[in-house]
Amino acid sequence: KNLIRNTYVYMMVTGYSLALVFLVFYCRYMAHSYNFFLFPATFGQMDSEFSFQAFSIKFLTHYGFDFNKFLKDGIPYMNEAQEKKLQKGLLSGNWVVHSVIDKDKVKKVIDEVTCWMSFAEEGESMVLHDIYGFQMFEIQLVLRQALQDIWTVPLGSQEPLVGHNMLMDLLHLHDKFYNPLPEDYEEFKKNIHTLFPILIDTKNVAKAIWKEFQFPQASNLLEVYEVLCSDMNPTNATCPEVFHASDCLRYATKKSPHEAAYDAFLCGSVLLKTAHLLLCRISCDPARTSSSFSQYLDVLAAYVNQVNLIRARVQKINFSGMDDCTNRPPLLIAKVRGWPSVTTQQIYQELRIHCRFDVQQLGKNQFLLFSNKFKEYVIRLLIVAFNCFCPAIKAFQ
């Protein structure tokens, strides 16, 4: 837990996506999918440090990520702790900050907002023009002070938050936009549940039903979606249809896996299709066509707030209760002797001819070994070590 927490301190969010899915008619849903490029806010003495992984850069480049937009046009963000520190510094006068926006422009914006508020009705919004970069944040701070009665932060929405393998997303949401990740694991769970009372992880749902319906292995979200859209899905003909809104039509003609907004669309689609499959199984009617969204939520109740966990002691985190008892094998730690400065790649290459493990460095000359075939591979590995086929690996725990 501490390893994950300490790792995420130096990780950065490059963007977030959102797909809003609305029922428009019968079993037809429309998805509005959006990409938001983000870049951490810098102001006065406030700055952020982050690290890049070479693999991540290559991955993003391969799938067409726009680094110029991320660096140049990324929306500035901060969490509540950073905001309080910034406000304290500004109000105390300890920070010398040269404003990027003149007082006349600030007054003009406040006048515009005040005038609009006098006539605005519930649900209406307005757009402020000709405000760029950090001007947006500076104006926001002024409006928060001037219009405290109307500035609210919505928490605890009862709309379900849906993701696929979403633990990483939740960690980032907490650390980057709410508050730094707490040291206490249960406190983290409690905070997330307060912010998002209804979580549904489609990875967790898909894992639960995949073997039952004898679907072929699917290693990513797009493959899960394609299986559910094929004739391998016995309810495909009656599944709800999710189509793209008019401002997202490029996704209708071109698959864009790992582009955030497209993945958000896939996630919403997988949710509806798996829920329909489960509902038809319960009713023993694969031809069933008429189902409400509330019925879909009811059939998914067993999966609510259960988020998939990869290669850990438990298979999922329960954000609204106690986690299940440990049902995963213990950790396998390789201690390497007589091989100074050995790397994870060298360990992987040394072992791969005998058995396949994912390798992660734990400390100096200590490595964690992960595998889905734990018992089979551990037996092989012990034989290898015993017969000295792999002399660099001398002891295991």
Protein backbone atom coordinates (compact mmCIF):
# COMPACT_ATOMS: atom_id res chain seq x y z
CA LYS A 1 0.00 0.00 0.00
CA ASN A 2 2.79 2.41 0.87
CA LEU A 3 4.63 1.43 -2.32
CA ILE A 4 1.61 2.43 -4.42
CA ARG A 5 1.12 5.65 -2.45
CA ASN A 6 4.76 6.71 -2.76
CA THR A 7 4.82 5.89 -6.47
CA TYR A 8 1.77 8.01 -7.26
CA VAL A 9 3.25 11.12 -5.65
CA TYR A 10 5.55 11.51 -8.67
CA MET A 11 3.13 10.37 -11.34
CA MET A 12 1.24 12.93 -13.39
CA VAL A 13 -2.15 12.99 -15.07
CA THR A 14 -1.77 14.00 -18.72
CA GLY A 15 -5.49 14.06 -19.38
CA TYR A 16 -8.92 12.87 -18.39
CA SER A 17 -11.88 11.78 -20.42
CA LEU A 18 -15.59 11.65 -19.88
CA ALA A 19 -18.35 9.88 -21.77
CA LEU A 20 -21.85 10.97 -20.79
CA VAL A 21 -24.34 8.31 -21.87
CA PHE A 22 -28.02 9.25 -22.16
CA LEU A 23 -31.07 7.13 -22.95
CA VAL A 24 -32.71 8.82 -25.95
CA PHE A 25 -35.29 6.28 -27.08
CA TYR A 26 -36.21 2.75 -26.03
CA CYS A 27 -32.90 0.81 -25.99
CA ARG A 28 -30.89 3.48 -27.78
CA TYR A 29 -28.30 5.47 -25.87
CA MET A 30 -26.26 8.44 -27.06
CA ALA A 31 -22.68 9.02 -25.87
CA HIS A 32 -21.05 12.45 -25.64
CA SER A 33 -17.31 11.73 -25.30
CA TYR A 34 -14.75 14.36 -24.30
CA ASN A 35 -10.97 14.58 -23.90
CA PHE A 36 -9.41 17.03 -21.43
CA PHE A 37 -5.67 17.70 -21.58
CA LEU A 38 -4.28 18.56 -18.15
CA PHE A 39 -1.08 20.08 -16.85
CA PRO A 40 -0.27 20.79 -13.18
CA ALA A 41 -0.66 24.40 -12.08
CA THR A 42 2.42 26.51 -11.34
CA PHE A 43 2.03 29.78 -9.47
CA GLY A 44 4.45 31.78 -7.35
CA GLN A 45 6.32 29.30 -5.19
CA MET A 46 3.97 26.45 -6.06
CA ASP A 47 5.42 23.94 -8.49
CA SER A 48 5.13 20.23 -9.22
CA GLU A 49 7.71 17.55 -9.87
CA PHE A 50 6.92 14.47 -11.87
CA SER A 51 8.67 11.63 -13.66
CA PHE A 52 8.29 10.04 -17.08
CA GLN A 53 8.59 6.36 -17.94
CA ALA A 54 10.15 5.65 -21.32
CA PHE A 55 7.62 2.88 -21.96
CA SER A 56 4.71 5.21 -21.23
CA ILE A 57 6.05 7.85 -23.63
CA LYS A 58 6.44 5.27 -26.40
CA PHE A 59 2.95 3.90 -25.68
CA LEU A 60 1.31 7.34 -25.83
CA THR A 61 3.24 8.26 -28.98
CA HIS A 62 2.21 5.02 -30.69
CA TYR A 63 -1.46 5.80 -30.06
CA GLY A 64 -1.24 9.39 -31.26
CA PHE A 65 -1.16 11.34 -27.99
CA ASP A 66 -0.69 15.07 -28.69
CA PHE A 67 2.16 16.16 -26.41
CA ASN A 68 1.98 19.75 -27.70
CA LYS A 69 -1.61 20.10 -26.48
CA PHE A 70 -0.72 18.51 -23.18
CA LEU A 71 2.24 20.84 -22.52
CA LYS A 72 0.90 24.02 -24.11
CA ASP A 73 -2.85 23.89 -23.60
CA GLY A 74 -3.25 21.53 -20.64
CA ILE A 75 -5.84 22.73 -18.13
CA PRO A 76 -4.12 23.70 -14.84
CA TYR A 77 -5.24 21.76 -11.80
CA MET A 78 -4.45 21.35 -8.10
CA ASN A 79 -5.85 19.52 -5.11
CA GLU A 80 -7.51 21.09 -2.07
CA ALA A 81 -4.35 21.04 0.04
CA GLN A 82 -2.42 22.92 -2.67
CA GLU A 83 -5.25 25.42 -3.08
CA LYS A 84 -5.38 26.16 0.66
CA LYS A 85 -1.61 26.67 0.72
CA LEU A 86 -1.81 29.00 -2.26
CA GLN A 87 -4.67 31.03 -0.80
CA LYS A 88 -2.86 31.33 2.53
CA GLY A 89 0.27 32.57 0.80
CA LEU A 90 -1.62 35.10 -1.29
CA LEU A 91 -3.73 36.42 1.60
CA SER A 92 -0.75 36.73 3.94
CA GLY A 93 1.16 38.73 1.35
CA ASN A 94 4.21 36.48 1.74
CA TRP A 95 4.24 35.59 -1.95
CA VAL A 96 5.32 38.17 -4.46
CA VAL A 97 3.26 37.38 -7.53
CA HIS A 98 3.04 39.45 -10.67
CA SER A 99 -0.50 39.14 -11.92
CA VAL A 100 -0.96 37.98 -15.49
CA ILE A 101 -4.28 39.80 -15.77
CA ASP A 102 -4.93 43.52 -15.19
CA LYS A 103 -7.41 44.89 -12.68
CA ASP A 104 -9.71 46.35 -15.36
CA LYS A 105 -10.15 42.91 -16.89
CA VAL A 106 -10.90 41.38 -13.48
CA LYS A 107 -13.54 44.06 -12.85
CA LYS A 108 -15.05 43.46 -16.28
CA VAL A 109 -15.34 39.72 -15.66
CA ILE A 110 -16.95 40.20 -12.23
CA ASP A 111 -19.43 42.67 -13.74
CA GLU A 112 -20.31 40.18 -16.50
CA VAL A 113 -20.83 37.33 -14.06
CA THR A 114 -22.84 39.48 -11.64
CA CYS A 115 -25.08 40.74 -14.44
CA TRP A 116 -25.61 37.22 -15.76
CA MET A 117 -26.50 35.92 -12.27
CA SER A 118 -29.29 38.49 -11.99
CA PHE A 119 -31.22 36.90 -14.85
CA ALA A 120 -29.90 33.31 -15.00
CA GLU A 121 -32.21 30.43 -14.26
CA GLU A 122 -31.32 27.11 -12.69
CA GLY A 123 -29.27 24.93 -15.02
CA GLU A 124 -28.04 27.79 -17.22
CA SER A 125 -24.36 28.54 -17.74
CA MET A 126 -22.17 31.22 -19.25
CA VAL A 127 -18.80 31.23 -21.04
CA LEU A 128 -16.08 33.76 -20.28
CA HIS A 129 -14.17 34.75 -23.41
CA ASP A 130 -10.58 35.94 -24.00
CA ILE A 131 -9.18 34.35 -20.86
CA TYR A 132 -6.21 32.05 -21.39
CA GLY A 133 -3.69 29.95 -19.49
CA PHE A 134 -3.26 30.84 -15.85
CA GLN A 135 -5.67 33.76 -16.19
CA MET A 136 -8.41 31.15 -15.80
CA PHE A 137 -7.16 30.13 -12.38
CA GLU A 138 -6.60 33.71 -11.23
CA ILE A 139 -10.15 34.67 -12.25
CA GLN A 140 -11.45 31.58 -10.48
CA LEU A 141 -9.79 32.61 -7.21
CA VAL A 142 -11.29 36.10 -7.48
CA LEU A 143 -14.78 34.72 -8.20
CA ARG A 144 -14.53 32.35 -5.25
CA GLN A 145 -13.85 35.30 -2.97
CA ALA A 146 -16.44 37.62 -4.53
CA LEU A 147 -19.24 35.09 -5.02
CA GLN A 148 -18.84 32.64 -2.15
CA ASP A 149 -22.56 31.89 -1.89
CA ILE A 150 -22.82 30.34 -5.35
CA TRP A 151 -19.44 28.63 -5.65
CA THR A 152 -19.93 25.01 -4.71
CA VAL A 153 -18.00 21.80 -5.25
CA PRO A 154 -20.33 18.85 -5.96
CA LEU A 155 -19.44 15.81 -3.88
CA GLY A 156 -21.16 12.49 -3.44
CA SER A 157 -22.98 12.35 -6.77
CA GLN A 158 -25.49 9.50 -6.95
CA GLU A 159 -24.77 8.97 -10.65
CA PRO A 160 -22.60 5.84 -11.11
CA LEU A 161 -18.95 6.43 -11.97
CA VAL A 162 -17.93 3.73 -14.43
CA GLY A 163 -14.38 2.74 -15.33
CA HIS A 164 -12.38 -0.21 -16.61
CA ASN A 165 -9.61 -1.41 -14.31
CA MET A 166 -10.20 1.91 -12.58
CA LEU A 167 -8.03 1.78 -9.45
CA MET A 168 -5.35 3.94 -11.08
CA ASP A 169 -8.00 6.50 -12.05
CA LEU A 170 -9.29 6.64 -8.48
CA LEU A 171 -5.80 7.07 -7.06
CA HIS A 172 -5.19 9.99 -9.43
CA LEU A 173 -8.58 11.56 -8.76
CA HIS A 174 -7.89 11.53 -5.03
CA ASP A 175 -4.26 12.66 -5.15
CA LYS A 176 -4.40 15.25 -7.91
CA PHE A 177 -7.86 16.81 -7.45
CA TYR A 178 -9.00 16.11 -3.89
CA ASN A 179 -6.19 15.66 -1.38
CA PRO A 180 -2.82 13.87 -1.21
CA LEU A 181 -3.21 10.13 -0.78
CA PRO A 182 -3.49 9.30 2.94
CA GLU A 183 -1.15 6.84 4.60
CA ASP A 184 -4.10 4.87 5.93
CA TYR A 185 -5.65 2.50 3.39
CA GLU A 186 -9.09 2.50 5.02
CA GLU A 187 -9.12 6.30 4.99
CA PHE A 188 -8.46 6.23 1.25
CA LYS A 189 -11.40 3.87 0.76
CA LYS A 190 -13.66 6.04 2.90
CA ASN A 191 -12.70 9.21 1.02
CA ILE A 192 -13.35 7.64 -2.38
CA HIS A 193 -16.71 6.30 -1.24
CA THR A 194 -17.69 9.78 -0.02
CA LEU A 195 -16.68 11.35 -3.33
CA PHE A 196 -18.15 8.60 -5.51
CA PRO A 197 -20.80 6.53 -3.69
CA ILE A 198 -21.51 4.35 -6.72
CA LEU A 199 -18.53 2.81 -8.54
CA ILE A 200 -18.74 0.14 -11.23
CA ASP A 201 -15.57 -1.42 -12.63
CA THR A 202 -16.37 -3.12 -15.95
CA LYS A 203 -13.13 -5.12 -15.68
CA ASN A 204 -14.48 -6.72 -12.51
CA VAL A 205 -17.86 -7.43 -14.14
CA ALA A 206 -16.27 -8.90 -17.28
CA LYS A 207 -13.94 -11.16 -15.27
CA ALA A 208 -16.90 -12.56 -13.36
CA ILE A 209 -18.94 -13.53 -16.43
CA TRP A 210 -16.26 -14.33 -19.03
CA LYS A 211 -15.70 -17.98 -18.19
CA GLU A 212 -19.39 -18.65 -17.60
CA PHE A 213 -20.26 -17.71 -21.18
CA GLN A 214 -17.05 -19.27 -22.59
CA PHE A 215 -15.94 -16.10 -24.31
CA PRO A 216 -12.42 -16.04 -25.81
CA GLN A 217 -9.69 -14.33 -23.84
CA ALA A 218 -9.80 -10.55 -24.10
CA SER A 219 -6.68 -8.70 -22.96
CA ASN A 220 -7.94 -5.12 -23.21
CA LEU A 221 -11.09 -3.00 -23.21
CA LEU A 222 -11.47 -2.90 -26.99
CA GLU A 223 -11.33 -6.70 -27.22
CA VAL A 224 -13.97 -7.01 -24.49
CA TYR A 225 -16.20 -4.60 -26.41
CA GLU A 226 -15.72 -6.46 -29.72
CA VAL A 227 -16.59 -9.83 -28.16
CA LEU A 228 -19.79 -8.40 -26.68
CA CYS A 229 -20.70 -6.85 -30.06
CA SER A 230 -20.23 -10.15 -31.91
CA ASP A 231 -22.40 -13.22 -32.38
CA MET A 232 -20.43 -14.90 -29.58
CA ASN A 233 -22.65 -12.87 -27.27
CA PRO A 234 -26.00 -14.74 -27.18
CA THR A 235 -27.85 -11.46 -26.49
CA ASN A 236 -26.05 -9.32 -29.10
CA ALA A 237 -29.14 -8.94 -31.30
CA THR A 238 -31.18 -7.48 -28.43
CA CYS A 239 -28.45 -5.47 -26.66
CA PRO A 240 -28.95 -1.75 -26.15
CA GLU A 241 -27.32 0.34 -28.88
CA VAL A 242 -24.87 3.08 -27.93
CA PHE A 243 -24.16 5.57 -30.70
CA HIS A 244 -21.93 8.63 -30.88
CA ALA A 245 -23.29 12.16 -30.59
CA SER A 246 -22.91 14.46 -33.59
CA ASP A 247 -19.79 16.11 -32.15
CA CYS A 248 -18.02 12.75 -31.74
CA LEU A 249 -18.70 11.14 -35.11
CA ARG A 250 -15.03 10.51 -35.91
CA TYR A 251 -15.19 7.66 -33.39
CA ALA A 252 -18.01 6.08 -35.42
CA THR A 253 -15.72 5.60 -38.44
CA LYS A 254 -12.35 5.08 -36.79
CA LYS A 255 -11.37 2.96 -33.82
CA SER A 256 -9.15 4.93 -31.44
CA PRO A 257 -8.07 2.53 -28.68
CA HIS A 258 -6.28 4.13 -25.73
CA GLU A 259 -7.52 7.57 -26.68
CA ALA A 260 -9.18 8.55 -23.44
CA ALA A 261 -12.59 9.68 -24.76
CA TYR A 262 -12.92 6.63 -27.03
CA ASP A 263 -12.07 4.32 -24.13
CA ALA A 264 -14.71 6.08 -22.04
CA PHE A 265 -17.27 5.33 -24.78
CA LEU A 266 -16.17 1.67 -24.85
CA CYS A 267 -16.49 1.49 -21.09
CA GLY A 268 -20.08 2.78 -21.09
CA SER A 269 -20.98 0.38 -23.89
CA VAL A 270 -19.45 -2.61 -22.10
CA LEU A 271 -21.40 -1.70 -18.96
CA LEU A 272 -24.74 -1.74 -20.78
CA LYS A 273 -23.99 -4.90 -22.74
CA THR A 274 -22.79 -6.90 -19.73
CA ALA A 275 -25.78 -5.71 -17.69
CA HIS A 276 -28.14 -6.78 -20.50
CA LEU A 277 -26.43 -10.16 -20.68
CA LEU A 278 -26.83 -10.71 -16.94
CA LEU A 279 -30.46 -9.60 -17.00
CA CYS A 280 -31.30 -11.99 -19.84
CA ARG A 281 -29.58 -14.82 -17.99
CA ILE A 282 -31.70 -14.20 -14.88
CA SER A 283 -34.94 -14.01 -16.88
CA CYS A 284 -33.91 -16.98 -19.09
CA ASP A 285 -34.94 -14.90 -22.10
CA PRO A 286 -32.06 -14.08 -24.51
CA ALA A 287 -34.55 -12.29 -26.78
CA ARG A 288 -35.49 -9.78 -24.09
CA THR A 289 -35.33 -6.24 -25.47
CA SER A 290 -37.14 -3.94 -23.06
CA SER A 291 -35.06 -3.06 -19.99
CA SER A 292 -34.71 0.16 -18.05
CA PHE A 293 -31.43 1.55 -16.81
CA SER A 294 -32.59 1.05 -13.22
CA GLN A 295 -33.03 -2.65 -14.00
CA TYR A 296 -29.48 -2.74 -15.33
CA LEU A 297 -28.19 -1.14 -12.13
CA ASP A 298 -30.15 -3.65 -10.06
CA VAL A 299 -28.62 -6.63 -11.84
CA LEU A 300 -25.15 -5.10 -11.35
CA ALA A 301 -25.67 -4.59 -7.60
CA ALA A 302 -23.27 -7.40 -6.68
CA TYR A 303 -20.47 -5.56 -8.52
CA VAL A 304 -21.07 -2.03 -7.19
CA ASN A 305 -18.03 -0.52 -5.43
CA GLN A 306 -15.94 -3.60 -6.22
CA VAL A 307 -12.80 -2.44 -8.07
CA ASN A 308 -10.42 -4.87 -9.73
CA LEU A 309 -6.97 -5.27 -8.24
CA ILE A 310 -4.12 -6.70 -10.29
CA ARG A 311 -1.79 -9.33 -8.83
CA ALA A 312 -2.40 -8.59 -5.18
CA ARG A 313 -3.42 -10.60 -2.14
CA VAL A 314 -7.09 -9.92 -2.93
CA GLN A 315 -8.79 -9.80 -6.31
CA LYS A 316 -10.75 -6.60 -5.71
CA ILE A 317 -11.15 -3.66 -3.35
CA ASN A 318 -14.53 -3.17 -1.70
CA PHE A 319 -15.01 0.60 -1.33
CA SER A 320 -18.21 0.25 0.70
CA GLY A 321 -17.18 -2.47 3.13
CA MET A 322 -14.54 -4.99 4.15
CA ASP A 323 -12.31 -6.53 1.51
CA ASP A 324 -12.56 -10.26 0.93
CA CYS A 325 -10.14 -12.53 2.74
CA THR A 326 -6.85 -13.25 1.02
CA ASN A 327 -7.32 -15.75 -1.79
CA ARG A 328 -4.20 -15.09 -3.80
CA PRO A 329 -0.86 -16.90 -3.34
CA PRO A 330 1.86 -15.29 -1.19
CA LEU A 331 4.48 -13.01 -2.70
CA LEU A 332 7.52 -14.62 -4.31
CA ILE A 333 10.71 -12.67 -3.68
CA ALA A 334 13.93 -13.47 -5.51
CA LYS A 335 17.18 -12.55 -3.75
CA VAL A 336 20.09 -12.25 -6.16
CA ARG A 337 23.64 -12.87 -4.98
CA GLY A 338 26.91 -12.40 -6.79
CA TRP A 339 25.42 -10.18 -9.50
CA PRO A 340 25.89 -6.49 -8.60
CA SER A 341 23.61 -3.91 -10.23
CA VAL A 342 21.37 -6.55 -11.80
CA THR A 343 18.25 -5.10 -13.51
CA THR A 344 14.67 -6.31 -13.80
CA GLN A 345 15.17 -6.95 -17.52
CA GLN A 346 18.20 -9.15 -16.86
CA ILE A 347 16.26 -11.18 -14.27
CA TYR A 348 13.36 -11.55 -16.70
CA GLN A 349 15.65 -12.75 -19.51
CA GLU A 350 17.41 -15.19 -17.16
CA LEU A 351 14.13 -16.81 -16.10
CA ARG A 352 12.07 -16.68 -19.29
CA ILE A 353 13.45 -19.89 -20.80
CA HIS A 354 12.16 -21.79 -17.78
CA CYS A 355 9.00 -19.92 -16.78
CA ARG A 356 7.28 -16.58 -17.39
CA PHE A 357 7.22 -14.06 -14.56
CA ASP A 358 6.67 -10.34 -14.50
CA VAL A 359 9.53 -8.84 -12.52
CA GLN A 360 9.48 -5.74 -10.32
CA GLN A 361 12.43 -4.46 -8.29
CA LEU A 362 11.72 -4.41 -4.57
CA GLY A 363 15.12 -3.30 -3.24
CA LYS A 364 18.80 -3.75 -3.86
CA ASN A 365 19.18 -7.19 -5.46
CA GLN A 366 15.60 -8.11 -4.45
CA PHE A 367 12.80 -8.61 -6.96
CA LEU A 368 9.11 -9.47 -6.83
CA LEU A 369 8.00 -12.19 -9.25
CA PHE A 370 4.40 -12.25 -10.47
CA SER A 371 2.58 -14.93 -12.42
CA ASN A 372 -0.95 -16.14 -13.07
CA LYS A 373 0.41 -19.72 -12.97
CA PHE A 374 1.97 -19.39 -9.55
CA LYS A 375 2.10 -23.01 -8.35
CA GLU A 376 3.30 -24.43 -11.68
CA TYR A 377 6.01 -21.82 -12.12
CA VAL A 378 7.26 -21.89 -8.53
CA ILE A 379 7.84 -25.65 -8.81
CA ARG A 380 9.75 -25.13 -12.05
CA LEU A 381 11.76 -22.29 -10.55
CA LEU A 382 12.74 -24.28 -7.48
CA ILE A 383 13.94 -27.12 -9.71
CA VAL A 384 15.93 -24.63 -11.78
CA ALA A 385 17.55 -23.12 -8.67
CA PHE A 386 18.24 -26.56 -7.16
CA ASN A 387 19.97 -27.82 -10.30
CA CYS A 388 21.91 -24.54 -10.68
CA PHE A 389 20.63 -23.96 -14.20
CA CYS A 390 20.21 -20.33 -13.14
CA PRO A 391 23.24 -19.76 -10.85
CA ALA A 392 22.47 -16.09 -10.27
CA ILE A 393 19.21 -16.95 -8.42
CA LYS A 394 20.32 -18.52 -5.16
CA ALA A 395 17.45 -18.18 -2.70
CA PHE A 396 13.72 -17.57 -2.63
CA GLN A 397 11.16 -16.61 0.01
